[in-house]
N, C-alpha and C. Protein backbone atom coordinates (compact mmCIF):
# COMPACT_ATOMS: atom_id res chain seq x y z
N MET A 1 90.21 148.41 113.73
CA MET A 1 89.89 149.23 114.61
C MET A 1 89.24 150.32 114.39
N ASN A 2 87.90 150.32 115.22
CA ASN A 2 86.89 151.18 115.07
C ASN A 2 87.27 152.57 115.72
N LYS A 3 86.48 153.65 115.34
CA LYS A 3 86.65 155.02 115.32
C LYS A 3 86.71 154.99 116.71
N ASP A 4 86.01 154.66 117.51
CA ASP A 4 85.78 154.97 119.12
C ASP A 4 87.44 154.40 119.43
N ALA A 5 87.66 153.34 119.30
CA ALA A 5 89.30 152.77 119.54
C ALA A 5 90.27 153.90 119.40
N LEU A 6 90.29 154.46 118.00
CA LEU A 6 91.08 155.26 117.43
C LEU A 6 91.20 156.46 118.47
N THR A 7 89.82 157.09 118.51
CA THR A 7 89.65 158.18 119.19
C THR A 7 90.16 157.94 120.53
N ALA A 8 90.50 156.96 121.42
CA ALA A 8 90.94 156.90 122.62
C ALA A 8 92.26 156.87 122.52
N ILE A 9 92.80 156.25 121.66
CA ILE A 9 94.33 155.89 121.67
C ILE A 9 94.99 157.16 121.01
N LEU A 10 94.27 157.92 120.18
CA LEU A 10 94.88 159.85 119.87
C LEU A 10 94.38 160.50 121.23
N PHE A 11 93.47 160.14 122.17
CA PHE A 11 93.38 160.79 123.16
C PHE A 11 94.59 160.98 124.53
N ALA A 12 94.60 159.58 124.22
CA ALA A 12 95.84 159.01 125.51
C ALA A 12 96.72 159.41 124.93
N LEU A 13 97.31 159.60 123.61
CA LEU A 13 98.85 159.96 123.10
C LEU A 13 98.96 161.50 123.47
N LEU A 14 97.74 162.17 123.01
CA LEU A 14 97.66 163.69 123.28
C LEU A 14 97.90 163.81 124.83
N THR A 15 97.23 163.17 125.80
CA THR A 15 97.57 163.38 126.83
C THR A 15 99.20 163.19 127.42
N ALA A 16 99.72 161.94 126.90
CA ALA A 16 100.93 161.66 127.24
C ALA A 16 102.27 162.35 126.46
N LEU A 17 101.87 163.04 125.47
CA LEU A 17 102.80 164.33 125.26
C LEU A 17 102.55 165.62 125.74
N SER A 18 101.69 165.95 126.16
CA SER A 18 101.04 166.95 127.16
C SER A 18 101.59 167.09 128.47
N PHE A 19 101.49 165.94 128.92
CA PHE A 19 101.98 165.53 130.45
C PHE A 19 102.88 164.63 130.42
N PRO A 20 104.18 164.66 129.88
CA PRO A 20 104.88 163.35 129.89
C PRO A 20 105.69 162.76 131.00
N LYS A 21 105.27 163.31 132.12
CA LYS A 21 106.00 162.79 133.20
C LYS A 21 105.21 161.84 133.99
N GLN A 22 103.63 161.67 133.33
CA GLN A 22 102.41 160.58 133.78
C GLN A 22 102.45 159.80 133.06
N ALA A 23 101.95 158.79 133.37
CA ALA A 23 102.18 157.37 132.31
C ALA A 23 100.15 157.67 131.74
N ALA A 24 100.00 156.95 130.23
CA ALA A 24 99.03 156.95 129.66
C ALA A 24 99.12 155.74 129.22
N SER A 25 97.47 155.39 129.28
CA SER A 25 96.88 153.83 128.68
C SER A 25 95.25 153.97 128.24
N VAL A 26 95.27 152.95 127.87
CA VAL A 26 93.74 153.07 127.03
C VAL A 26 93.62 151.84 127.35
N GLN A 27 91.84 151.79 127.55
CA GLN A 27 91.28 150.36 127.75
C GLN A 27 91.01 150.02 125.95
N TRP A 28 91.00 148.96 125.56
CA TRP A 28 90.76 148.32 124.48
C TRP A 28 90.48 146.76 124.39
N ASN A 29 89.14 146.18 123.84
CA ASN A 29 89.11 144.91 123.74
C ASN A 29 89.09 144.43 125.21
N SER A 30 88.88 144.90 126.49
CA SER A 30 88.77 144.68 127.62
C SER A 30 90.32 144.49 128.28
N GLU A 31 91.30 144.93 127.44
CA GLU A 31 92.60 144.93 127.60
C GLU A 31 92.97 146.22 128.10
N LEU A 32 94.07 146.46 128.56
CA LEU A 32 94.74 147.57 129.30
C LEU A 32 95.74 148.03 128.45
N ILE A 33 95.82 148.78 127.57
CA ILE A 33 97.59 148.81 127.01
C ILE A 33 97.85 150.27 126.94
N GLU A 34 99.15 149.93 127.57
CA GLU A 34 100.29 151.30 128.22
C GLU A 34 100.58 151.93 126.72
N LEU A 35 100.30 153.26 126.76
CA LEU A 35 101.04 154.21 125.73
C LEU A 35 102.03 154.41 126.12
N TRP A 36 102.33 155.03 127.76
CA TRP A 36 103.25 155.91 127.89
C TRP A 36 103.65 155.48 129.27
N ASN A 37 104.71 155.50 129.79
CA ASN A 37 105.43 155.50 131.16
C ASN A 37 106.35 156.35 131.31
N ALA A 38 106.97 157.57 132.05
CA ALA A 38 107.90 158.32 131.61
C ALA A 38 108.87 157.50 132.52
N SER A 39 108.67 156.60 133.40
CA SER A 39 109.72 155.68 133.96
C SER A 39 110.61 154.91 132.89
N ARG A 40 109.82 154.63 131.71
CA ARG A 40 110.50 153.78 130.85
C ARG A 40 111.37 154.35 129.49
N GLU A 41 112.42 153.94 129.61
CA GLU A 41 113.56 154.57 127.93
C GLU A 41 112.55 154.50 126.66
N HIS A 42 112.27 153.11 126.65
CA HIS A 42 111.33 153.28 125.26
C HIS A 42 109.95 152.84 125.54
N GLN A 43 109.14 153.54 124.73
CA GLN A 43 107.81 154.09 125.23
C GLN A 43 106.98 153.07 123.83
N PRO A 44 106.06 152.34 124.65
CA PRO A 44 104.96 152.01 124.05
C PRO A 44 104.38 152.74 122.62
N ALA A 45 104.35 153.96 122.84
CA ALA A 45 103.50 154.92 121.89
C ALA A 45 104.83 154.94 120.50
N ASP A 46 105.50 154.70 120.85
CA ASP A 46 106.82 154.91 119.87
C ASP A 46 106.46 153.52 118.82
N ASP A 47 105.92 152.64 119.26
CA ASP A 47 105.42 151.54 118.72
C ASP A 47 104.26 151.65 117.96
N LEU A 48 103.08 152.65 118.26
CA LEU A 48 102.06 153.19 117.54
C LEU A 48 102.29 153.74 116.70
N LEU A 49 103.29 155.14 116.96
CA LEU A 49 103.91 155.76 116.03
C LEU A 49 104.43 155.33 114.76
N ALA A 50 104.82 154.48 114.99
CA ALA A 50 105.79 153.37 113.88
C ALA A 50 104.64 152.78 113.36
N LEU A 51 103.89 152.15 113.67
CA LEU A 51 102.87 151.72 113.08
C LEU A 51 101.94 152.63 111.77
N ALA A 52 101.71 153.64 112.40
CA ALA A 52 101.12 154.96 111.68
C ALA A 52 102.13 155.28 110.69
N GLN A 53 103.09 155.62 110.96
CA GLN A 53 104.21 155.68 109.73
C GLN A 53 104.13 154.78 108.61
N THR A 54 104.37 153.47 108.97
CA THR A 54 104.30 152.38 107.89
C THR A 54 103.17 152.38 107.09
N SER A 55 101.99 152.76 107.77
CA SER A 55 100.48 153.29 107.17
C SER A 55 100.60 154.42 105.99
N THR A 56 101.47 155.30 106.66
CA THR A 56 101.04 156.47 105.40
C THR A 56 102.27 156.28 104.95
N ARG A 57 103.55 155.51 104.92
CA ARG A 57 104.39 155.61 104.02
C ARG A 57 103.79 154.35 102.83
N SER A 58 103.07 153.37 103.38
CA SER A 58 102.29 152.65 101.98
C SER A 58 101.93 153.45 101.04
N ARG A 59 101.13 154.86 101.09
CA ARG A 59 100.85 155.81 100.06
C ARG A 59 101.81 156.57 99.77
N TYR A 60 103.17 156.44 99.71
CA TYR A 60 103.97 157.05 99.13
C TYR A 60 104.74 156.13 97.91
N ARG A 61 105.70 156.62 96.80
CA ARG A 61 106.42 156.17 96.39
C ARG A 61 107.89 156.46 96.82
N LYS A 62 108.50 154.87 97.36
CA LYS A 62 109.94 155.26 97.78
C LYS A 62 111.04 155.77 97.23
N ILE A 63 111.46 156.66 97.59
CA ILE A 63 112.73 156.89 96.98
C ILE A 63 114.15 156.79 97.97
N ASN A 64 115.24 156.25 97.34
CA ASN A 64 116.52 155.76 98.18
C ASN A 64 116.98 157.04 98.87
N THR A 65 117.07 157.11 100.22
CA THR A 65 117.00 158.29 101.15
C THR A 65 118.87 158.44 100.58
N GLN A 66 119.69 158.09 100.61
CA GLN A 66 120.95 158.52 100.13
C GLN A 66 121.08 159.55 98.98
N GLU A 67 120.36 158.76 98.05
CA GLU A 67 120.27 159.15 96.59
C GLU A 67 119.71 160.41 96.61
N PHE A 68 118.74 160.58 97.12
CA PHE A 68 117.77 161.73 97.31
C PHE A 68 118.83 162.86 98.24
N VAL A 69 119.62 162.69 99.43
CA VAL A 69 120.38 163.81 100.32
C VAL A 69 121.37 164.21 99.23
N SER A 70 122.18 163.03 98.22
CA SER A 70 123.43 163.50 97.67
C SER A 70 122.88 164.32 96.34
N SER A 71 121.87 163.82 95.90
CA SER A 71 121.17 164.67 94.46
C SER A 71 120.73 166.03 94.63
N TYR A 72 120.25 166.08 95.95
CA TYR A 72 119.52 167.74 96.09
C TYR A 72 120.62 168.57 97.18
N GLN A 73 121.56 168.13 97.72
CA GLN A 73 122.94 168.15 98.09
C GLN A 73 122.51 168.57 99.70
N LEU A 74 121.98 168.08 100.39
CA LEU A 74 120.95 168.62 101.47
C LEU A 74 122.12 168.10 102.61
N SER A 75 122.24 168.97 103.58
CA SER A 75 123.46 168.83 104.81
C SER A 75 122.31 169.48 106.01
N GLY A 76 122.65 169.60 106.99
CA GLY A 76 122.55 169.89 108.33
C GLY A 76 121.37 168.73 108.74
N SER A 77 121.38 168.83 110.14
CA SER A 77 120.70 167.63 110.76
C SER A 77 119.16 168.46 111.62
N GLU A 78 118.94 169.53 111.65
CA GLU A 78 117.59 169.89 111.91
C GLU A 78 116.43 169.97 110.97
N PRO A 79 115.02 169.12 111.48
CA PRO A 79 114.36 168.97 110.08
C PRO A 79 113.97 170.08 109.61
N LYS A 80 113.65 171.61 110.23
CA LYS A 80 113.61 172.86 109.48
C LYS A 80 114.69 173.17 108.92
N ALA A 81 116.03 173.01 109.37
CA ALA A 81 117.06 173.51 108.43
C ALA A 81 116.84 172.81 106.70
N VAL A 82 116.32 171.76 106.74
CA VAL A 82 116.94 170.47 105.67
C VAL A 82 115.52 171.27 104.82
N ALA A 83 114.46 171.04 105.67
CA ALA A 83 113.16 171.43 104.75
C ALA A 83 113.19 172.78 104.13
N LEU A 84 113.58 173.77 104.88
CA LEU A 84 114.10 175.04 104.03
C LEU A 84 115.42 174.94 102.65
N GLN A 85 116.29 174.00 102.96
CA GLN A 85 117.15 173.76 102.36
C GLN A 85 116.55 173.31 100.78
N PHE A 86 115.81 172.24 100.68
CA PHE A 86 115.18 171.47 100.20
C PHE A 86 114.12 172.27 99.34
N PHE A 87 113.50 173.16 100.05
CA PHE A 87 112.28 173.81 99.46
C PHE A 87 113.30 175.13 98.61
N GLN A 88 114.42 175.32 98.95
CA GLN A 88 114.88 176.34 98.02
C GLN A 88 115.19 175.79 96.93
N LYS A 89 115.79 174.73 97.05
CA LYS A 89 116.29 173.90 95.68
C LYS A 89 115.38 173.86 94.98
N LEU A 90 113.84 173.28 95.62
CA LEU A 90 112.87 173.15 94.72
C LEU A 90 112.43 174.38 94.04
N ALA A 91 112.42 175.27 94.35
CA ALA A 91 112.26 176.72 94.25
C ALA A 91 113.05 177.03 92.75
N GLY A 92 114.71 176.65 92.96
CA GLY A 92 115.21 176.64 91.74
C GLY A 92 114.86 176.52 90.36
N ASP A 93 114.26 175.06 90.55
CA ASP A 93 113.45 174.44 89.30
C ASP A 93 112.79 175.67 88.78
N SER A 94 112.34 175.38 87.69
CA SER A 94 111.28 175.90 87.02
C SER A 94 110.12 176.32 87.46
N GLU A 95 109.67 177.52 87.59
CA GLU A 95 108.33 178.08 88.15
C GLU A 95 107.26 178.31 87.16
N GLU A 96 107.40 177.96 85.94
CA GLU A 96 106.47 177.96 85.20
C GLU A 96 105.13 177.15 85.71
N GLY A 97 104.24 177.86 85.39
CA GLY A 97 102.66 176.94 85.60
C GLY A 97 102.45 176.61 87.19
N ARG A 98 103.50 177.39 87.95
CA ARG A 98 103.64 176.95 89.77
C ARG A 98 102.20 177.62 90.02
N LYS A 99 101.67 177.26 91.18
CA LYS A 99 100.05 177.88 91.27
C LYS A 99 100.40 178.08 93.28
N SER A 100 100.97 177.04 93.81
CA SER A 100 101.32 177.16 95.36
C SER A 100 102.52 176.06 95.68
N GLU A 101 102.96 176.46 96.71
CA GLU A 101 104.17 175.41 97.32
C GLU A 101 103.81 175.40 98.90
N GLN A 102 103.96 174.68 99.42
CA GLN A 102 103.77 174.36 101.02
C GLN A 102 104.81 173.60 101.28
N ILE A 103 105.02 173.90 102.87
CA ILE A 103 106.14 173.31 103.61
C ILE A 103 105.28 172.96 105.05
N SER A 104 105.45 171.93 105.68
CA SER A 104 104.55 171.30 106.63
C SER A 104 105.74 170.66 107.76
N ILE A 105 105.84 170.60 108.96
CA ILE A 105 106.94 170.12 109.72
C ILE A 105 105.84 169.26 111.34
N GLU A 106 106.02 168.19 111.33
CA GLU A 106 105.25 167.91 112.10
C GLU A 106 106.16 167.03 113.31
N TYR A 107 105.88 167.42 114.40
CA TYR A 107 106.94 166.43 115.50
C TYR A 107 106.11 165.12 115.95
N PRO A 108 105.79 164.34 115.40
CA PRO A 108 104.55 163.12 116.47
C PRO A 108 105.06 162.44 117.74
N SER A 109 106.44 162.59 117.81
CA SER A 109 106.73 162.49 118.90
C SER A 109 108.23 163.18 119.13
N ARG A 110 109.10 163.30 120.37
CA ARG A 110 110.16 163.97 120.60
C ARG A 110 111.21 163.15 119.78
N GLN A 111 111.13 162.02 119.17
CA GLN A 111 112.57 161.45 118.63
C GLN A 111 111.95 161.62 117.22
N THR A 112 111.24 161.81 116.31
CA THR A 112 110.76 162.17 115.29
C THR A 112 109.83 162.90 114.75
N ALA A 113 109.87 163.11 113.22
CA ALA A 113 109.85 164.31 112.70
C ALA A 113 109.42 164.28 111.24
N VAL A 114 108.41 164.79 110.75
CA VAL A 114 108.10 164.57 109.10
C VAL A 114 107.79 165.88 108.52
N VAL A 115 108.66 166.19 107.45
CA VAL A 115 108.70 167.30 106.58
C VAL A 115 107.86 166.88 105.61
N ASN A 116 106.68 167.99 104.98
CA ASN A 116 106.07 167.63 103.60
C ASN A 116 106.13 168.76 102.96
N VAL A 117 106.90 168.73 101.57
CA VAL A 117 106.90 169.79 100.75
C VAL A 117 106.05 169.51 99.54
N THR A 118 105.07 170.44 99.14
CA THR A 118 104.11 170.47 98.20
C THR A 118 104.21 171.48 97.24
N VAL A 119 104.36 171.19 95.99
CA VAL A 119 104.39 171.92 94.68
C VAL A 119 103.32 171.48 93.55
N VAL A 120 102.41 172.78 93.83
CA VAL A 120 100.97 172.31 92.64
C VAL A 120 101.59 173.25 91.50
N GLY A 121 101.22 172.84 90.27
CA GLY A 121 101.35 173.52 89.32
C GLY A 121 102.87 173.98 88.72
N LEU A 122 103.11 172.21 88.14
CA LEU A 122 104.34 171.81 87.51
C LEU A 122 104.28 172.49 85.64
N ALA A 123 105.69 172.41 85.44
CA ALA A 123 105.84 172.71 84.08
C ALA A 123 105.95 171.30 83.38
N ASP A 124 104.44 170.15 83.69
CA ASP A 124 105.07 169.07 82.92
C ASP A 124 103.40 168.58 82.72
N ASP A 125 103.63 167.83 81.46
CA ASP A 125 102.34 167.95 80.40
C ASP A 125 101.49 166.37 81.43
N SER A 126 102.10 165.96 82.39
CA SER A 126 101.32 164.40 82.91
C SER A 126 101.28 165.03 84.39
N VAL A 127 102.11 165.85 85.07
CA VAL A 127 102.11 165.68 86.56
C VAL A 127 101.57 167.04 86.95
N ARG A 128 100.78 166.96 88.18
CA ARG A 128 99.80 168.64 88.04
C ARG A 128 100.67 168.86 89.22
N ALA A 129 100.94 168.03 90.52
CA ALA A 129 101.77 168.31 91.15
C ALA A 129 102.22 167.14 92.57
N ILE A 130 103.04 167.53 93.32
CA ILE A 130 103.88 166.55 93.78
C ILE A 130 104.43 166.85 95.04
N ARG A 131 104.40 165.45 95.87
CA ARG A 131 104.61 166.03 97.57
C ARG A 131 105.64 165.05 97.63
N TYR A 132 106.40 165.80 98.74
CA TYR A 132 107.55 164.78 99.12
C TYR A 132 107.29 164.81 100.76
N ARG A 133 107.89 163.27 101.38
CA ARG A 133 107.97 163.65 102.75
C ARG A 133 109.13 162.79 103.01
N LEU A 134 109.72 163.65 104.11
CA LEU A 134 110.77 163.41 104.49
C LEU A 134 110.55 163.20 106.03
N GLU A 135 111.04 161.69 106.29
CA GLU A 135 111.11 161.22 108.09
C GLU A 135 112.24 161.32 108.85
N PHE A 136 112.54 162.15 109.29
CA PHE A 136 113.43 162.31 110.21
C PHE A 136 113.54 161.60 111.93
N LYS A 137 114.62 161.23 112.18
CA LYS A 137 114.95 160.51 113.61
C LYS A 137 115.77 160.86 114.24
N ARG A 138 115.89 161.25 115.61
CA ARG A 138 116.98 161.54 116.74
C ARG A 138 117.35 160.13 116.86
N GLN A 139 118.83 160.62 116.73
CA GLN A 139 119.50 159.26 117.11
C GLN A 139 121.00 159.40 117.48
N ALA A 140 121.31 159.15 118.92
CA ALA A 140 122.72 160.22 119.31
C ALA A 140 122.79 161.48 118.90
N GLY A 141 121.42 162.20 119.89
CA GLY A 141 121.88 163.30 119.80
C GLY A 141 121.26 164.41 118.64
N SER A 142 121.37 163.72 117.44
CA SER A 142 121.23 164.86 116.11
C SER A 142 119.85 164.08 115.15
N TRP A 143 119.52 164.75 114.75
CA TRP A 143 118.37 164.03 113.31
C TRP A 143 119.29 163.73 112.58
N GLN A 144 118.51 162.43 111.94
CA GLN A 144 118.76 161.87 110.58
C GLN A 144 117.46 161.78 109.70
N ILE A 145 117.67 161.46 108.22
CA ILE A 145 116.78 161.36 107.65
C ILE A 145 116.72 160.11 107.28
N VAL A 146 115.72 159.58 107.88
CA VAL A 146 115.38 157.64 107.59
C VAL A 146 114.59 157.01 106.60
N TRP A 147 113.75 158.04 105.98
CA TRP A 147 113.10 157.74 104.89
C TRP A 147 112.25 159.01 104.13
N VAL A 148 112.24 158.61 102.54
CA VAL A 148 111.91 159.55 101.94
C VAL A 148 110.67 158.89 100.71
N GLY A 149 109.37 159.73 100.73
CA GLY A 149 109.08 159.13 99.65
C GLY A 149 107.99 160.11 98.90
N SER A 150 107.45 159.74 97.82
CA SER A 150 106.68 160.92 96.70
C SER A 150 105.53 160.36 96.84
N GLN A 151 104.36 161.54 96.25
CA GLN A 151 103.14 161.66 95.89
C GLN A 151 102.77 162.26 94.98
N THR A 152 102.20 161.80 93.68
CA THR A 152 101.63 163.01 92.29
C THR A 152 100.31 162.75 92.35
N LEU A 153 99.73 164.06 91.91
CA LEU A 153 98.43 164.34 91.45
C LEU A 153 98.92 164.47 89.68
N CYS A 154 98.33 163.69 88.90
CA CYS A 154 98.06 163.90 87.71
C CYS A 154 97.18 164.98 87.04
N GLN A 155 97.67 165.78 86.01
CA GLN A 155 97.07 166.46 85.07
C GLN A 155 96.06 165.66 84.52
N ALA A 156 94.41 166.60 83.78
CA ALA A 156 93.57 165.78 83.77
C ALA A 156 93.72 165.10 82.77
N GLY A 157 93.08 163.94 82.50
CA GLY A 157 93.24 162.77 81.45
C GLY A 157 94.45 162.35 81.54
N ARG A 158 95.55 162.37 82.17
CA ARG A 158 96.31 162.11 82.54
C ARG A 158 96.71 160.76 83.87
N GLY A 159 95.65 160.37 84.05
CA GLY A 159 95.95 159.56 85.42
C GLY A 159 95.35 160.13 86.58
N HIS A 160 95.98 159.40 87.77
CA HIS A 160 94.73 159.71 88.96
C HIS A 160 94.54 161.17 89.30
N GLN A 161 93.74 161.41 90.03
CA GLN A 161 93.41 162.77 90.45
C GLN A 161 93.26 163.02 92.17
N ASN A 162 93.77 162.10 92.69
CA ASN A 162 93.71 162.21 94.09
C ASN A 162 95.32 161.75 94.35
N TRP A 163 96.02 162.17 95.73
CA TRP A 163 97.53 161.88 95.60
C TRP A 163 97.83 160.26 95.84
N SER A 164 98.44 160.03 95.14
CA SER A 164 99.10 158.62 94.92
C SER A 164 100.48 158.29 94.40
N ALA A 165 101.08 157.18 95.01
CA ALA A 165 102.27 156.40 94.37
C ALA A 165 102.41 156.15 93.24
N ARG A 166 101.21 156.40 92.70
CA ARG A 166 101.38 155.96 90.88
C ARG A 166 101.63 156.77 90.08
N SER A 167 102.37 156.44 89.16
CA SER A 167 102.87 157.27 87.99
C SER A 167 101.77 158.03 87.50
N CYS A 168 102.25 159.06 86.58
CA CYS A 168 101.21 159.36 85.91
C CYS A 168 101.25 159.12 84.37
N VAL A 169 100.44 159.27 83.50
CA VAL A 169 100.70 158.71 81.89
C VAL A 169 100.76 160.09 81.23
């Protein structure tokens, strides 16, 4: 997909999210692709968001969602509340060497949320920073964590220097 096509799709998605009662579509390769239509329950834009999430997920090491929730004793259903709870659990870990901590919450659609928690400066001789990605989906009126992954940055001389799913050495 070229840059112009991606720009057109993003513009149409933003329009659809800003004006949800209207339909949105984009012209691509002589084909009209419907992205959003308020009269339909399942939106074609949801499929595009799912494709984008799959691409993003491939850059993270997958973590078993149930084990993750259990090990951090996460409860609650609102993404913001779970993000803060997880952040507090991480803050309880050793703060030696800690340089920065960051939480971001994005809502790619009305039915999905993505929480990123990043900690830079770990008391670890291999790992310099870690980033967790928690994906939520609204199901039957409440939010559920549906996917969890992590990325790391390695200490100098201990592996990759860009965010990666690969382990540090």
